[in-house]
Amino acid sequence: MKHVSLANARANIAELLDEVERGETVTISREGVSEAELAPPFDEKRREAARQAIEGIRALRSGAAGATIDEIIAWKNEGRE
């Protein structure tokens, strides 16, 4: 994420929009306070990826519902040695 001042945004709006088009999010601040964000549109491809990620998280959570504390700690430490 890129942060720019309002004055910088006014002077370079075309370049900032080019960056947004490439997928970057730009935060515009006034007097050091974030006031607005320029972000790429949330297209259907991104929406589907987010939906699949949420479904995956829900599946993981339901699978861990009956886990013991020791099992959860073992999963956390798996591969750390």
Protein backbone atom coordinates (compact mmCIF):
# COMPACT_ATOMS: atom_id res chain seq x y z
CA MET A 1 0.00 0.00 0.00
CA LYS A 2 1.32 3.40 -0.94
CA HIS A 3 0.72 6.58 1.10
CA VAL A 4 0.76 10.03 -0.51
CA SER A 5 -0.14 13.54 0.56
CA LEU A 6 -3.12 15.33 -0.95
CA ALA A 7 -0.79 17.76 -2.73
CA ASN A 8 1.19 14.85 -4.20
CA ALA A 9 -2.03 13.13 -5.28
CA ARG A 10 -3.27 16.29 -7.03
CA ALA A 11 0.01 16.70 -8.88
CA ASN A 12 0.33 13.02 -9.87
CA ILE A 13 -3.22 11.70 -10.19
CA ALA A 14 -2.61 10.05 -13.58
CA GLU A 15 0.40 8.13 -12.27
CA LEU A 16 -1.50 7.10 -9.14
CA LEU A 17 -4.39 5.80 -11.24
CA ASP A 18 -1.89 3.80 -13.32
CA GLU A 19 -0.64 2.19 -10.09
CA VAL A 20 -4.20 1.42 -8.99
CA GLU A 21 -4.85 -0.14 -12.39
CA ARG A 22 -1.87 -2.46 -11.74
CA GLY A 23 -3.47 -3.56 -8.43
CA GLU A 24 -1.86 -1.15 -5.94
CA THR A 25 -3.94 0.57 -3.23
CA VAL A 26 -3.06 4.23 -2.62
CA THR A 27 -3.94 6.04 0.61
CA ILE A 28 -4.25 9.83 0.40
CA SER A 29 -3.61 11.84 3.54
CA ARG A 30 -4.24 15.46 4.47
CA GLU A 31 -2.08 16.95 7.22
CA GLY A 32 -0.84 13.47 8.13
CA VAL A 33 -4.32 11.96 8.54
CA SER A 34 -5.50 9.28 6.10
CA GLU A 35 -8.55 10.64 4.31
CA ALA A 36 -9.19 8.37 1.31
CA GLU A 37 -8.08 5.26 -0.54
CA LEU A 38 -7.85 4.58 -4.23
CA ALA A 39 -8.22 0.86 -4.81
CA PRO A 40 -8.80 -1.40 -7.78
CA PRO A 41 -12.38 -2.52 -8.31
CA PHE A 42 -13.37 -5.76 -6.60
CA ASP A 43 -13.94 -7.91 -9.68
CA GLU A 44 -15.68 -11.30 -9.85
CA LYS A 45 -12.39 -13.22 -9.95
CA ARG A 46 -11.26 -11.65 -6.67
CA ARG A 47 -14.72 -12.12 -5.15
CA GLU A 48 -14.65 -15.86 -5.99
CA ALA A 49 -11.14 -16.24 -4.55
CA ALA A 50 -12.29 -14.56 -1.32
CA ARG A 51 -15.37 -16.80 -1.15
CA GLN A 52 -13.22 -19.93 -1.56
CA ALA A 53 -10.81 -18.73 1.12
CA ILE A 54 -13.68 -18.17 3.55
CA GLU A 55 -15.09 -21.63 2.82
CA GLY A 56 -11.64 -23.13 3.44
CA ILE A 57 -11.31 -21.35 6.77
CA ARG A 58 -14.76 -22.56 7.82
CA ALA A 59 -13.83 -26.14 6.88
CA LEU A 60 -10.64 -25.92 8.92
CA ARG A 61 -12.49 -24.50 11.90
CA SER A 62 -15.13 -27.23 11.84
CA GLY A 63 -12.43 -29.91 11.65
CA ALA A 64 -10.63 -28.50 14.69
CA ALA A 65 -13.77 -28.26 16.82
CA GLY A 66 -13.12 -31.55 18.61
CA ALA A 67 -9.36 -31.11 18.92
CA THR A 68 -7.62 -31.16 22.27
CA ILE A 69 -5.26 -28.43 23.45
CA ASP A 70 -2.31 -30.79 22.98
CA GLU A 71 -3.33 -31.48 19.37
CA ILE A 72 -3.66 -27.78 18.59
CA ILE A 73 -0.23 -27.06 20.10
CA ALA A 74 1.27 -29.95 18.11
CA TRP A 75 -0.24 -28.55 14.89
CA LYS A 76 1.13 -25.10 15.71
CA ASN A 77 4.63 -26.47 16.28
CA GLU A 78 4.58 -28.85 13.31
CA GLY A 79 7.61 -28.26 11.09
CA ARG A 80 9.37 -25.87 13.48
CA GLU A 81 12.14 -28.27 14.46
